[in-house]
């Protein structure tokens, strides 16, 4: 069996606020992607597409059948793989995933990564509920598996997902091909590297309970609690740490119930005391995302992405699906084609430099900010001003103020990336 290394540093945190928890009539989604500290995460825009019947699609490790039409997506992803840690599509659907270990063993074969499932669901779904069924169908057909880290020693896990659209959110938790899902129509919710769906199950794999009973994990009588039945009896150290982060995240959401905004979510993602903003040994928060999904369909969804590590010293930059949207080259990593270590078997025997231009500039700025010198302080102030400019643009769009032309909205992310990159240069 491939190593699941449940004690290795691995963590993420996802949050969602659904009215009345939100301060505005919008669903607000947020995620920190915590990964190996030197891993580069790029922000990739992929336009909607049409595909020939019977065509195939190469994901990170395996091919799957392509669908006839795919939606436009914006993805924040580790630059070596096909899928994504978090992202959104043109219909206002957002998804984030988390690593999880359960009583169901992690398989040794290469299949779909949780990050592949996330991207496939964004490309093929228009609502959170539809995305739950898309992931469930892909799990049933292809399974999940394969190393989730760019290193020779395999590192594998199963996945949980937080999915949100303009009206509601869903939590989807998996154990191999099995799954349970919970619908959230109001209030705030978070997930953090552990099973968290108890008895409130809105949908489930048809064989979930019979399988648990056959394994001796459930008697078949009384209430069925998914987290209780499928969680490991002896929790690894990292899972115990995830419990503390989960509780801290839940408390931070509860403290702001009814007044949660994009800024509140950004503050939560920057919280170092709880471990939500991670910088621990070989791991750190490598990228972050906050999305505001207005319930008013006449208002655009606004997605803020950092494309750089450590949200406490990064800029959340606004992205909007609009006319003229295109790829920002400064946040796109170099490609290596057939010579990429992920493509050569055995995989990951060598390392390549995947740093994009903004990442390089941010690395230098991060060093200055950590030193606490005047230049570092000035750079941090620049970041804060630039982020406030993006938040002001969001407020203008939500309050019905002067709306920029669609072409300007479509190029908003590109403009903010250029400003940040120029400041570092």
Protein backbone atom coordinates (compact mmCIF):
# COMPACT_ATOMS: atom_id res chain seq x y z
CA UNK A 1 0.00 0.00 0.00
CA UNK A 2 1.21 3.50 -0.76
CA UNK A 3 2.26 5.52 2.23
CA UNK A 4 -0.53 7.69 3.53
CA UNK A 5 1.84 9.32 6.08
CA UNK A 6 -0.97 10.59 8.29
CA UNK A 7 1.55 12.11 10.73
CA UNK A 8 3.20 14.21 8.02
CA UNK A 9 2.36 17.90 7.98
CA UNK A 10 -0.80 18.27 5.93
CA UNK A 11 -3.60 20.69 6.53
CA UNK A 12 -6.11 23.04 4.97
CA UNK A 13 -9.10 25.02 6.18
CA UNK A 14 -12.27 25.91 4.27
CA UNK A 15 -15.01 28.28 5.40
CA UNK A 16 -18.42 29.35 4.16
CA UNK A 17 -21.01 31.83 5.33
CA UNK A 18 -24.60 31.62 4.08
CA UNK A 19 -27.16 34.32 5.01
CA UNK A 20 -28.13 35.19 7.69
CA UNK A 21 -24.53 34.58 8.87
CA UNK A 22 -23.24 36.91 6.12
CA UNK A 23 -23.48 40.65 6.64
CA UNK A 24 -24.69 41.04 3.06
CA UNK A 25 -27.11 38.99 0.92
CA UNK A 26 -24.33 36.77 -0.39
CA UNK A 27 -22.67 33.43 0.22
CA UNK A 28 -19.01 33.95 1.16
CA UNK A 29 -16.46 31.18 0.58
CA UNK A 30 -12.84 31.05 1.79
CA UNK A 31 -9.91 28.65 1.82
CA UNK A 32 -6.28 28.43 2.88
CA UNK A 33 -4.29 25.88 0.91
CA UNK A 34 -1.58 24.48 3.19
CA UNK A 35 1.06 22.56 1.26
CA UNK A 36 4.82 21.77 1.25
CA UNK A 37 6.39 25.14 1.95
CA UNK A 38 8.40 25.48 -1.30
CA UNK A 39 5.60 24.31 -3.58
CA UNK A 40 4.47 26.97 -6.06
CA UNK A 41 0.77 27.60 -6.57
CA UNK A 42 -0.31 29.32 -9.79
CA UNK A 43 -3.62 30.95 -10.74
CA UNK A 44 -4.93 29.63 -14.04
CA UNK A 45 -7.87 30.83 -16.11
CA UNK A 46 -9.39 28.24 -18.45
CA UNK A 47 -12.15 29.41 -20.82
CA UNK A 48 -15.33 27.46 -21.51
CA UNK A 49 -14.94 24.81 -24.17
CA UNK A 50 -16.73 22.38 -26.47
CA UNK A 51 -15.30 18.93 -27.05
CA UNK A 52 -15.72 16.20 -29.62
CA UNK A 53 -17.89 13.21 -28.66
CA UNK A 54 -15.78 10.35 -27.31
CA UNK A 55 -12.73 12.53 -26.62
CA UNK A 56 -10.46 11.78 -23.65
CA UNK A 57 -9.03 14.09 -21.01
CA UNK A 58 -5.63 13.65 -19.34
CA UNK A 59 -5.78 14.49 -15.63
CA UNK A 60 -2.75 14.35 -13.31
CA UNK A 61 -2.26 10.58 -13.58
CA UNK A 62 -5.11 9.01 -15.55
CA UNK A 63 -7.36 9.75 -18.51
CA UNK A 64 -11.12 10.16 -18.17
CA UNK A 65 -13.90 10.64 -20.68
CA UNK A 66 -14.39 14.27 -21.62
CA UNK A 67 -17.84 15.87 -21.63
CA UNK A 68 -19.25 17.82 -24.58
CA UNK A 69 -19.15 21.23 -22.85
CA UNK A 70 -17.04 22.60 -20.00
CA UNK A 71 -17.48 25.85 -18.03
CA UNK A 72 -14.91 28.62 -17.70
CA UNK A 73 -12.92 28.28 -14.45
CA UNK A 74 -10.35 30.14 -12.38
CA UNK A 75 -8.08 27.77 -10.46
CA UNK A 76 -5.49 28.10 -7.71
CA UNK A 77 -3.38 24.99 -8.09
CA UNK A 78 0.00 23.43 -7.28
CA UNK A 79 1.71 24.04 -10.60
CA UNK A 80 2.86 20.44 -11.12
CA UNK A 81 -0.59 18.87 -11.32
CA UNK A 82 -3.72 19.09 -13.48
CA UNK A 83 -6.36 19.70 -10.81
CA UNK A 84 -6.66 22.46 -8.22
CA UNK A 85 -6.76 23.07 -4.49
CA UNK A 86 -9.54 25.63 -4.88
CA UNK A 87 -11.33 27.50 -7.58
CA UNK A 88 -14.54 28.88 -9.05
CA UNK A 89 -16.45 28.77 -12.30
CA UNK A 90 -18.42 31.25 -14.37
CA UNK A 91 -21.72 30.27 -12.68
CA UNK A 92 -20.56 31.27 -9.20
CA UNK A 93 -19.69 27.77 -8.00
CA UNK A 94 -16.69 27.53 -5.64
CA UNK A 95 -14.98 24.38 -4.32
CA UNK A 96 -12.13 23.70 -1.90
CA UNK A 97 -10.77 20.32 -0.84
CA UNK A 98 -9.03 18.87 2.22
CA UNK A 99 -6.97 15.77 2.98
CA UNK A 100 -8.58 13.18 5.25
CA UNK A 101 -7.78 9.68 6.52
CA UNK A 102 -10.49 7.24 7.56
CA UNK A 103 -10.93 3.57 8.42
CA UNK A 104 -11.13 2.89 4.70
CA UNK A 105 -7.50 2.31 3.58
CA UNK A 106 -5.88 4.60 1.03
CA UNK A 107 -5.32 2.60 -2.16
CA UNK A 108 -1.90 2.26 -3.76
CA UNK A 109 -2.97 2.77 -7.38
CA UNK A 110 -3.00 6.02 -9.34
CA UNK A 111 -6.51 7.32 -9.97
CA UNK A 112 -8.06 10.79 -9.68
CA UNK A 113 -6.56 13.12 -7.09
CA UNK A 114 -9.01 15.05 -4.94
CA UNK A 115 -7.71 18.12 -6.77
CA UNK A 116 -8.60 16.53 -10.11
CA UNK A 117 -12.12 15.82 -8.81
CA UNK A 118 -12.41 19.47 -7.76
CA UNK A 119 -11.48 20.82 -11.20
CA UNK A 120 -13.66 18.31 -13.03
CA UNK A 121 -16.62 19.31 -10.87
CA UNK A 122 -16.05 23.02 -11.55
CA UNK A 123 -15.82 22.42 -15.29
CA UNK A 124 -18.94 20.22 -15.38
CA UNK A 125 -21.35 21.72 -12.80
CA UNK A 126 -23.31 24.93 -12.39
CA UNK A 127 -24.46 24.46 -8.76
CA UNK A 128 -23.01 23.03 -5.56
CA UNK A 129 -25.56 20.23 -5.47
CA UNK A 130 -24.79 19.26 -9.06
CA UNK A 131 -21.07 19.25 -8.23
CA UNK A 132 -21.68 16.80 -5.37
CA UNK A 133 -23.26 14.36 -7.83
CA UNK A 134 -20.50 14.90 -10.41
CA UNK A 135 -17.78 14.06 -7.86
CA UNK A 136 -19.78 11.07 -6.61
CA UNK A 137 -20.12 9.75 -10.16
CA UNK A 138 -16.40 10.21 -10.90
CA UNK A 139 -15.47 8.47 -7.64
CA UNK A 140 -17.67 5.54 -8.50
CA UNK A 141 -16.21 5.20 -11.99
CA UNK A 142 -12.53 6.05 -11.51
CA UNK A 143 -11.83 6.09 -7.75
CA UNK A 144 -9.38 8.41 -6.00
CA UNK A 145 -5.70 7.84 -5.45
CA UNK A 146 -2.12 8.74 -6.33
CA UNK A 147 0.61 10.76 -4.68
CA UNK A 148 -0.43 14.30 -3.73
CA UNK A 149 3.10 15.61 -3.28
CA UNK A 150 5.95 16.27 -5.70
CA UNK A 151 8.37 13.82 -4.04
CA UNK A 152 9.58 10.25 -4.80
CA UNK A 153 7.95 8.78 -1.66
CA UNK A 154 4.18 8.50 -2.29
CA UNK A 155 1.92 10.63 -0.11
CA UNK A 156 -1.75 9.71 -0.48
CA UNK A 157 -5.05 10.59 1.15
CA UNK A 158 -8.79 10.73 0.63
CA UNK A 159 -10.68 14.00 0.39
CA UNK A 160 -13.40 16.18 1.82
CA UNK A 161 -14.88 19.10 -0.11
CA UNK A 162 -16.68 22.36 0.67
CA UNK A 163 -18.86 23.46 -2.26
CA UNK A 164 -20.74 26.76 -2.45
CA UNK A 165 -22.89 28.66 -4.93
CA UNK A 166 -25.02 31.81 -4.78
CA UNK A 167 -27.76 30.20 -2.66
CA UNK A 168 -26.30 27.40 -0.51
CA UNK A 169 -23.30 25.25 0.37
CA UNK A 170 -22.57 21.53 0.67
CA UNK A 171 -19.98 19.53 2.57
CA UNK A 172 -18.95 16.31 0.82
CA UNK A 173 -16.79 13.82 2.73
CA UNK A 174 -15.32 10.68 1.17
CA UNK A 175 -13.76 7.37 2.18
CA UNK A 176 -12.50 5.64 -0.95
CA UNK A 177 -15.48 5.46 -3.32
CA UNK A 178 -17.97 5.98 -0.47
CA UNK A 179 -19.28 9.38 0.56
CA UNK A 180 -21.73 11.39 2.62
CA UNK A 181 -22.94 14.94 1.96
CA UNK A 182 -24.55 17.66 4.07
CA UNK A 183 -26.52 20.62 2.73
CA UNK A 184 -26.06 24.06 4.35
CA UNK A 185 -28.87 26.52 3.59
CA UNK A 186 -28.06 29.05 6.30
CA UNK A 187 -25.35 29.86 8.84
CA UNK A 188 -21.59 29.35 8.80
CA UNK A 189 -19.58 26.13 8.37
CA UNK A 190 -15.94 25.08 8.17
CA UNK A 191 -13.98 21.90 7.46
CA UNK A 192 -10.44 20.98 8.44
CA UNK A 193 -8.78 17.61 7.66
CA UNK A 194 -11.27 15.47 9.55
CA UNK A 195 -14.70 14.00 9.06
CA UNK A 196 -17.31 16.43 10.37
CA UNK A 197 -20.65 15.14 9.02
CA UNK A 198 -22.45 13.40 11.86
CA UNK A 199 -26.11 12.35 11.69
CA UNK A 200 -27.24 15.31 9.54
CA UNK A 201 -26.74 13.58 6.18
CA UNK A 202 -28.54 15.05 3.15
CA UNK A 203 -27.27 12.52 0.59
CA UNK A 204 -25.01 9.46 0.67
CA UNK A 205 -23.54 6.60 -1.34
CA UNK A 206 -26.23 3.90 -1.67
CA UNK A 207 -23.93 1.29 -0.10
CA UNK A 208 -22.50 3.49 2.66
CA UNK A 209 -24.37 1.92 5.59
CA UNK A 210 -24.33 -1.67 4.34
CA UNK A 211 -20.56 -1.43 3.81
CA UNK A 212 -20.00 0.01 7.31
CA UNK A 213 -22.12 -2.80 8.75
CA UNK A 214 -20.24 -5.48 6.78
CA UNK A 215 -16.92 -4.11 8.06
CA UNK A 216 -18.15 -4.27 11.65
CA UNK A 217 -17.91 -0.49 12.06
CA UNK A 218 -21.65 -0.07 12.66
CA UNK A 219 -24.18 -2.41 14.21
CA UNK A 220 -26.93 -1.47 11.80
CA UNK A 221 -29.13 -0.31 14.67
CA UNK A 222 -29.81 3.16 16.00
CA UNK A 223 -28.54 6.44 14.61
CA UNK A 224 -25.91 6.43 11.86
CA UNK A 225 -23.17 9.00 12.55
CA UNK A 226 -20.86 9.17 9.54
CA UNK A 227 -17.90 10.81 11.31
CA UNK A 228 -18.17 8.46 14.26
CA UNK A 229 -18.45 5.33 12.12
CA UNK A 230 -15.70 6.11 9.57
CA UNK A 231 -13.13 8.10 11.61
CA UNK A 232 -9.97 6.29 12.69
CA UNK A 233 -10.17 4.91 16.22
CA UNK A 234 -6.58 5.98 16.94
CA UNK A 235 -6.23 9.44 15.48
CA UNK A 236 -2.79 10.42 14.10
CA UNK A 237 -1.08 13.43 15.63
CA UNK A 238 -1.88 15.57 12.59
CA UNK A 239 -5.57 14.71 12.81
CA UNK A 240 -5.59 15.78 16.45
CA UNK A 241 -4.03 19.09 15.40
CA UNK A 242 -6.74 19.43 12.75
CA UNK A 243 -9.39 19.08 15.47
CA UNK A 244 -7.95 22.11 17.26
CA UNK A 245 -7.93 24.14 14.03
CA UNK A 246 -11.47 23.05 13.24
CA UNK A 247 -12.69 24.21 16.66
CA UNK A 248 -10.80 27.50 16.37
CA UNK A 249 -12.23 28.14 12.90
CA UNK A 250 -15.75 27.37 14.08
CA UNK A 251 -15.35 29.78 17.00
CA UNK A 252 -14.02 32.55 14.76
CA UNK A 253 -17.07 32.13 12.50
CA UNK A 254 -19.46 32.06 15.44
CA UNK A 255 -17.99 35.27 16.86
CA UNK A 256 -18.91 37.09 13.64
CA UNK A 257 -22.28 35.43 12.90
CA UNK A 258 -24.47 37.94 11.08
CA UNK A 259 -21.56 40.23 10.23
CA UNK A 260 -19.31 38.04 8.06
CA UNK A 261 -17.83 39.85 5.05
CA UNK A 262 -14.96 39.24 2.65
CA UNK A 263 -12.69 41.17 5.04
CA UNK A 264 -13.75 38.98 7.97
CA UNK A 265 -12.93 35.86 5.98
CA UNK A 266 -9.54 37.31 5.04
CA UNK A 267 -8.83 38.03 8.72
CA UNK A 268 -9.71 34.41 9.59
CA UNK A 269 -7.39 33.09 6.89
CA UNK A 270 -4.62 35.28 8.32
CA UNK A 271 -5.07 34.00 11.89
CA UNK A 272 -1.72 32.52 12.93
CA UNK A 273 -2.55 31.85 16.58
CA UNK A 274 -5.06 29.14 15.61
CA UNK A 275 -2.75 27.57 13.03
CA UNK A 276 -5.23 28.43 10.26
CA UNK A 277 -2.52 30.60 8.70
CA UNK A 278 0.16 27.91 8.75
CA UNK A 279 3.93 28.18 8.88
CA UNK A 280 5.09 24.97 10.55
CA UNK A 281 8.26 23.15 9.61
CA UNK A 282 8.00 21.92 6.05
CA UNK A 283 4.47 23.24 5.56
CA UNK A 284 2.86 26.63 5.13
CA UNK A 285 -0.16 28.31 3.61
CA UNK A 286 0.93 28.48 -0.03
CA UNK A 287 -2.14 30.28 -1.42
CA UNK A 288 -5.52 31.63 -0.29
CA UNK A 289 -8.90 32.47 -1.78
CA UNK A 290 -12.05 34.36 -0.73
CA UNK A 291 -15.16 34.54 -2.92
CA UNK A 292 -18.28 36.68 -2.59
CA UNK A 293 -21.32 35.15 -4.33
CA UNK A 294 -24.24 37.62 -4.33
CA UNK A 295 -27.72 36.16 -4.26
CA UNK A 296 -28.77 38.93 -6.67
CA UNK A 297 -28.06 37.45 -10.09
CA UNK A 298 -27.55 40.91 -11.59
CA UNK A 299 -24.41 41.38 -9.48
CA UNK A 300 -21.17 39.59 -10.41
CA UNK A 301 -19.40 37.08 -8.20
CA UNK A 302 -16.00 38.37 -7.07
CA UNK A 303 -13.16 35.96 -6.32
CA UNK A 304 -10.07 37.16 -4.45
CA UNK A 305 -6.88 35.11 -4.93
CA UNK A 306 -3.35 35.63 -3.60
CA UNK A 307 -1.20 33.41 -5.93
CA UNK A 308 1.50 33.75 -3.24
CA UNK A 309 2.23 32.18 0.17
CA UNK A 310 1.24 33.46 3.61
CA UNK A 311 -1.99 35.48 3.39
CA UNK A 312 -0.84 37.66 6.30
CA UNK A 313 1.74 39.11 3.91
CA UNK A 314 0.00 38.70 0.57
CA UNK A 315 -2.56 40.62 -1.48
CA UNK A 316 -6.05 39.27 -2.14
CA UNK A 317 -6.63 40.35 -5.75
CA UNK A 318 -10.14 40.43 -7.32
CA UNK A 319 -11.09 38.27 -10.29
CA UNK A 320 -14.43 38.55 -12.14
CA UNK A 321 -15.73 36.40 -15.00
CA UNK A 322 -16.51 39.07 -17.57
CA UNK A 323 -15.84 40.11 -21.14
CA UNK A 324 -12.13 40.19 -21.94
CA UNK A 325 -10.95 37.99 -19.10
CA UNK A 326 -7.68 36.23 -19.92
CA UNK A 327 -4.70 34.57 -18.28
CA UNK A 328 -2.42 36.80 -16.19
CA UNK A 329 1.05 35.61 -17.33
CA UNK A 330 2.81 36.76 -14.14
CA UNK A 331 1.01 34.05 -12.10
CA UNK A 332 1.52 31.24 -14.61
CA UNK A 333 4.36 28.81 -13.91
CA UNK A 334 6.73 27.55 -16.62
CA UNK A 335 5.87 24.22 -18.26
CA UNK A 336 8.23 21.34 -19.04
CA UNK A 337 6.18 19.10 -21.33
CA UNK A 338 7.30 15.49 -21.62
CA UNK A 339 10.41 16.29 -19.53
CA UNK A 340 8.34 17.23 -16.48
CA UNK A 341 9.26 14.97 -13.52
CA UNK A 342 5.55 14.23 -13.03
CA UNK A 343 5.47 12.68 -16.52
CA UNK A 344 8.66 10.58 -16.34
CA UNK A 345 8.40 7.16 -14.68
CA UNK A 346 9.32 6.64 -11.91
CA UNK A 347 7.87 10.02 -11.04
CA UNK A 348 9.46 12.91 -9.14
CA UNK A 349 13.07 11.75 -9.34
CA UNK A 350 14.25 15.29 -10.14
CA UNK A 351 13.15 18.82 -9.27
CA UNK A 352 12.42 21.74 -11.59
CA UNK A 353 11.97 25.44 -10.85
CA UNK A 354 8.23 26.17 -11.09
CA UNK A 355 8.30 29.72 -9.68
CA UNK A 356 6.24 32.24 -11.63
CA UNK A 357 7.13 35.93 -11.86
CA UNK A 358 4.85 37.13 -9.05
CA UNK A 359 6.06 34.34 -6.77
CA UNK A 360 9.70 35.36 -7.36
CA UNK A 361 8.95 39.00 -6.59
CA UNK A 362 6.90 38.09 -3.55
CA UNK A 363 9.70 35.86 -2.21
CA UNK A 364 12.09 38.81 -2.18
CA UNK A 365 9.46 41.09 -0.62
CA UNK A 366 8.64 38.45 2.00
CA UNK A 367 12.27 38.39 3.09
CA UNK A 368 12.27 42.17 3.50
CA UNK A 369 8.97 42.13 5.43
CA UNK A 370 10.28 39.43 7.76
CA UNK A 371 13.36 41.53 8.51
CA UNK A 372 11.12 44.35 9.72
CA UNK A 373 13.19 47.01 7.96
CA UNK A 374 11.71 50.22 6.52
CA UNK A 375 11.60 48.86 2.99
CA UNK A 376 9.72 45.79 4.19
CA UNK A 377 7.21 47.94 6.06
CA UNK A 378 6.66 50.06 2.96
CA UNK A 379 6.04 46.94 0.89
CA UNK A 380 3.47 45.69 3.42
CA UNK A 381 1.73 49.07 3.36
CA UNK A 382 1.66 48.87 -0.46
CA UNK A 383 0.03 45.43 -0.21
CA UNK A 384 -2.60 46.75 2.18
CA UNK A 385 -3.42 49.74 -0.05
CA UNK A 386 -3.73 47.52 -3.11
CA UNK A 387 -6.02 45.08 -1.29
CA UNK A 388 -8.21 47.92 -0.04
CA UNK A 389 -8.53 49.13 -3.61
CA UNK A 390 -9.89 45.70 -4.58
CA UNK A 391 -12.30 45.65 -1.64
CA UNK A 392 -13.55 49.12 -2.58
CA UNK A 393 -14.25 47.84 -6.08
CA UNK A 394 -16.24 44.98 -4.54
CA UNK A 395 -18.29 47.35 -2.38
CA UNK A 396 -19.08 49.51 -5.42
CA UNK A 397 -20.35 46.49 -7.33
CA UNK A 398 -22.48 45.25 -4.43
CA UNK A 399 -24.04 48.61 -3.58
CA UNK A 400 -24.95 49.42 -7.15
CA UNK A 401 -22.56 52.34 -7.40
CA UNK A 402 -20.82 53.29 -10.61
CA UNK A 403 -20.14 50.01 -12.39
CA UNK A 404 -17.03 49.84 -14.61
CA UNK A 405 -17.54 48.57 -18.17
CA UNK A 406 -17.42 44.76 -18.60
CA UNK A 407 -14.02 44.88 -20.32
CA UNK A 408 -12.52 46.58 -17.28
CA UNK A 409 -14.08 44.07 -14.90
CA UNK A 410 -12.70 41.21 -17.00
CA UNK A 411 -9.17 42.62 -16.81
CA UNK A 412 -9.36 43.51 -13.10
CA UNK A 413 -7.24 40.62 -11.83
CA UNK A 414 -4.61 41.21 -14.50
CA UNK A 415 -4.39 44.89 -13.52
CA UNK A 416 -3.93 44.09 -9.82
CA UNK A 417 -1.30 41.44 -10.56
CA UNK A 418 0.64 43.94 -12.67
CA UNK A 419 0.53 46.58 -9.91
CA UNK A 420 1.76 44.11 -7.30
CA UNK A 421 4.50 42.77 -9.56
CA UNK A 422 5.71 46.27 -10.42
CA UNK A 423 5.89 47.18 -6.71
CA UNK A 424 8.12 44.19 -6.03
CA UNK A 425 10.29 44.93 -9.07
